[in-house]
Amino acid sequence: MRTPSSSLGIAALLAATSAWGAMFLVSKDVLRHVDPFWFTLIRYSLSALIFAALLAPRGAAPWRKLRSHAGPLALRGVTGFGVFSVMLLTGLAHSVPSHGAIIMATTPISTQLLRWVLDGVRPTRTTLLSSALALAGVVVVSGVLAPSNGDAASTAWGDAIAFAGTLGWVWYTRGATQFAGQLDVVEYTGLTVLAAWPLLALGALGASAIGLAEVPQVEGLRLSWHALLYVGLIPSAFAVLAYNFGVRTLGTVTGTAFINFVPVSALLMSVGMGKLPRG
């Protein structure tokens, strides 16, 4: 029987995955003006402000927890936000939104395999089969298998980078349940963002210093500020909070299964904007 809390968890996960589906459509245009390293720093700078405001009324307690768990929280945050975001955006810059969304849908299977390797929890044959069928379904629906133009460049390299990045998100998701006895949902989400922010800033500056990234120009920021604001507030703050709530409520495996909805939502929004997906 479905409880009120499980219903709220399902609603939160659907809201999060819908926001992430839209993020792929919005981010593709932003990447013409803002490098993935700086895009990541900007989006999580905005979300850090949101979480700081949410934690402020709680007094000193969250900040004591941040000091006590600074290292593990920073590591989770850098992996889940920095590594994941930079690699996903880098892959998206060399691919198309439908591919990025479908690659996100591989995370349920990745999560189960990681639990098998790290925790010795072997997924049942039924679980693996249902995950594979769900993934196959969203591959077909997303349009990834649709014929592409003969002169279109291969997206394989970008897709491979994006897939590697999703492993960082899988590991971050595991932390949401592992910290359940110490931090509530708002604390885990907010403190991982805040703990990781200095490292994200150092990463963007360091990548720029060695030529891996390019500091965004004022004109590029002017052209994309509205999209950056959306990505920073909705997919990077409220959607992450909703996702962590859903994972805490329903469990890691069930929570990540909802990521199969990301490519479906991206497709629906793309069609609504009059843009048909292409492979």
Foldseek 3Di string as FASTA:
>chain_A
DDDPLLVLLVVLLLQLLLLLLVLLVLLLVLCVFFAQLVLLLLLLVLQLVVLCVVCVVVPCVLVVVCVVCLVVLQLLLCLQRVLLRNLLSQLSNLHHSLLSLLLLLCLLVVLQVVCCVPVVDHDDPVLNVVSVVLSVVLCVVLAAPPDDDPPDDDSVVSSVSNNVSSNSNSVSLVVLQVCVVPDPLSSSLNSSSVSNSVVSVVVQVVCCVVVNGPHGDPVSCVVSVVSSNSSSDRNNHSSSSSLSSSCNSPNSSVSSNSSSCNSVSSQVVCVVVVHHDYD
